[in-house]
């Protein structure tokens, strides 16, 4: 395992300590979790962009609609479909 030293403003450090305390974990564990989340999001975006470059906009919008429905419980705002986006400039 590696050691990383970071410099944070005092108020940010205090907020991080409070957040860690609220989650009943150490600041070290909180930073580890935040790094994991950031890397996971980056990996997902990288995979999405690679697939989008090879795929079609229509298929990509369909996948995003599925994600919207899953995260919004199906009741959230709907993304405009590929057909609606193509017709928007008409």
C-alpha atoms as a PDB file:
ATOM      1  CA  UNK A   1       0.000   0.000   0.000  1.00  0.00           C
ATOM      2  CA  UNK A   2       1.232   3.503  -0.828  1.00  0.00           C
ATOM      3  CA  UNK A   3       1.158   6.645   1.252  1.00  0.00           C
ATOM      4  CA  UNK A   4      -0.195   9.870  -0.227  1.00  0.00           C
ATOM      5  CA  UNK A   5       0.127  13.284   1.375  1.00  0.00           C
ATOM      6  CA  UNK A   6      -2.304  15.979   0.254  1.00  0.00           C
ATOM      7  CA  UNK A   7      -2.670  19.606   1.235  1.00  0.00           C
ATOM      8  CA  UNK A   8      -6.192  20.791   1.960  1.00  0.00           C
ATOM      9  CA  UNK A   9      -7.515  24.085   3.253  1.00  0.00           C
ATOM     10  CA  UNK A  10      -8.258  23.845   6.981  1.00  0.00           C
ATOM     11  CA  UNK A  11     -12.008  24.206   6.466  1.00  0.00           C
ATOM     12  CA  UNK A  12     -12.032  21.407   3.869  1.00  0.00           C
ATOM     13  CA  UNK A  13     -10.076  19.160   6.228  1.00  0.00           C
ATOM     14  CA  UNK A  14     -12.509  19.897   9.040  1.00  0.00           C
ATOM     15  CA  UNK A  15     -15.463  19.057   6.788  1.00  0.00           C
ATOM     16  CA  UNK A  16     -13.793  15.818   5.668  1.00  0.00           C
ATOM     17  CA  UNK A  17     -13.230  14.853   9.313  1.00  0.00           C
ATOM     18  CA  UNK A  18     -16.869  15.594  10.121  1.00  0.00           C
ATOM     19  CA  UNK A  19     -18.053  13.574   7.123  1.00  0.00           C
ATOM     20  CA  UNK A  20     -15.859  10.626   8.106  1.00  0.00           C
ATOM     21  CA  UNK A  21     -17.068  10.844  11.706  1.00  0.00           C
ATOM     22  CA  UNK A  22     -20.682  10.876  10.487  1.00  0.00           C
ATOM     23  CA  UNK A  23     -20.021   7.686   8.524  1.00  0.00           C
ATOM     24  CA  UNK A  24     -18.144   6.143  11.469  1.00  0.00           C
ATOM     25  CA  UNK A  25     -14.987   5.667   9.392  1.00  0.00           C
ATOM     26  CA  UNK A  26     -11.520   7.173   9.400  1.00  0.00           C
ATOM     27  CA  UNK A  27     -10.564  10.054   7.136  1.00  0.00           C
ATOM     28  CA  UNK A  28      -8.159   7.628   5.462  1.00  0.00           C
ATOM     29  CA  UNK A  29     -10.997   5.193   4.707  1.00  0.00           C
ATOM     30  CA  UNK A  30     -13.187   8.069   3.474  1.00  0.00           C
ATOM     31  CA  UNK A  31     -10.465   9.198   1.063  1.00  0.00           C
ATOM     32  CA  UNK A  32     -10.013   5.613  -0.126  1.00  0.00           C
ATOM     33  CA  UNK A  33     -13.762   5.353  -0.822  1.00  0.00           C
ATOM     34  CA  UNK A  34     -13.840   8.720  -2.612  1.00  0.00           C
ATOM     35  CA  UNK A  35     -10.868   7.719  -4.774  1.00  0.00           C
ATOM     36  CA  UNK A  36     -12.570   4.432  -5.633  1.00  0.00           C
ATOM     37  CA  UNK A  37     -15.743   6.300  -6.610  1.00  0.00           C
ATOM     38  CA  UNK A  38     -13.809   8.761  -8.794  1.00  0.00           C
ATOM     39  CA  UNK A  39     -11.913   5.964 -10.551  1.00  0.00           C
ATOM     40  CA  UNK A  40     -15.100   3.963 -11.085  1.00  0.00           C
ATOM     41  CA  UNK A  41     -16.814   6.987 -12.638  1.00  0.00           C
ATOM     42  CA  UNK A  42     -13.783   7.646 -14.842  1.00  0.00           C
ATOM     43  CA  UNK A  43     -13.672   4.012 -15.995  1.00  0.00           C
ATOM     44  CA  UNK A  44     -17.401   4.059 -16.785  1.00  0.00           C
ATOM     45  CA  UNK A  45     -17.055   7.273 -18.793  1.00  0.00           C
ATOM     46  CA  UNK A  46     -14.036   5.897 -20.654  1.00  0.00           C
ATOM     47  CA  UNK A  47     -15.904   2.698 -21.541  1.00  0.00           C
ATOM     48  CA  UNK A  48     -18.982   4.675 -22.573  1.00  0.00           C
ATOM     49  CA  UNK A  49     -16.970   6.998 -24.823  1.00  0.00           C
ATOM     50  CA  UNK A  50     -15.178   4.052 -26.448  1.00  0.00           C
ATOM     51  CA  UNK A  51     -18.487   2.294 -27.093  1.00  0.00           C
ATOM     52  CA  UNK A  52     -20.129   5.519 -28.282  1.00  0.00           C
ATOM     53  CA  UNK A  53     -17.357   6.041 -30.820  1.00  0.00           C
ATOM     54  CA  UNK A  54     -18.115   2.611 -32.272  1.00  0.00           C
ATOM     55  CA  UNK A  55     -21.896   2.686 -31.899  1.00  0.00           C
ATOM     56  CA  UNK A  56     -24.862   4.707 -33.026  1.00  0.00           C
ATOM     57  CA  UNK A  57     -26.383   7.754 -31.362  1.00  0.00           C
ATOM     58  CA  UNK A  58     -29.783   6.052 -31.311  1.00  0.00           C
ATOM     59  CA  UNK A  59     -28.442   3.029 -29.414  1.00  0.00           C
ATOM     60  CA  UNK A  60     -26.562   5.318 -27.024  1.00  0.00           C
ATOM     61  CA  UNK A  61     -29.671   7.357 -26.259  1.00  0.00           C
ATOM     62  CA  UNK A  62     -31.618   4.147 -25.645  1.00  0.00           C
ATOM     63  CA  UNK A  63     -29.022   3.059 -23.061  1.00  0.00           C
ATOM     64  CA  UNK A  64     -29.165   6.473 -21.380  1.00  0.00           C
ATOM     65  CA  UNK A  65     -32.969   6.265 -21.227  1.00  0.00           C
ATOM     66  CA  UNK A  66     -32.648   2.901 -19.454  1.00  0.00           C
ATOM     67  CA  UNK A  67     -30.235   4.437 -16.955  1.00  0.00           C
ATOM     68  CA  UNK A  68     -32.537   7.403 -16.365  1.00  0.00           C
ATOM     69  CA  UNK A  69     -35.442   5.048 -15.693  1.00  0.00           C
ATOM     70  CA  UNK A  70     -33.374   2.876 -13.349  1.00  0.00           C
ATOM     71  CA  UNK A  71     -32.076   5.782 -11.268  1.00  0.00           C
ATOM     72  CA  UNK A  72     -35.333   7.735 -11.264  1.00  0.00           C
ATOM     73  CA  UNK A  73     -37.473   4.705 -10.486  1.00  0.00           C
ATOM     74  CA  UNK A  74     -39.094   5.121 -13.873  1.00  0.00           C
ATOM     75  CA  UNK A  75     -40.862   8.311 -12.728  1.00  0.00           C
ATOM     76  CA  UNK A  76     -38.156  10.849 -13.553  1.00  0.00           C
ATOM     77  CA  UNK A  77     -37.951  13.219 -16.489  1.00  0.00           C
ATOM     78  CA  UNK A  78     -37.481  11.519 -19.814  1.00  0.00           C
ATOM     79  CA  UNK A  79     -34.537  12.238 -22.070  1.00  0.00           C
ATOM     80  CA  UNK A  80     -35.414  13.277 -25.592  1.00  0.00           C
ATOM     81  CA  UNK A  81     -35.077  10.386 -27.988  1.00  0.00           C
ATOM     82  CA  UNK A  82     -32.779  10.319 -30.972  1.00  0.00           C
ATOM     83  CA  UNK A  83     -35.767  11.012 -33.243  1.00  0.00           C
ATOM     84  CA  UNK A  84     -36.743  14.075 -31.205  1.00  0.00           C
ATOM     85  CA  UNK A  85     -33.160  15.356 -31.185  1.00  0.00           C
ATOM     86  CA  UNK A  86     -32.804  15.006 -34.942  1.00  0.00           C
ATOM     87  CA  UNK A  87     -36.110  16.828 -35.458  1.00  0.00           C
ATOM     88  CA  UNK A  88     -35.235  19.617 -33.008  1.00  0.00           C
ATOM     89  CA  UNK A  89     -33.444  21.669 -35.647  1.00  0.00           C
ATOM     90  CA  UNK A  90     -36.324  21.492 -38.149  1.00  0.00           C
END
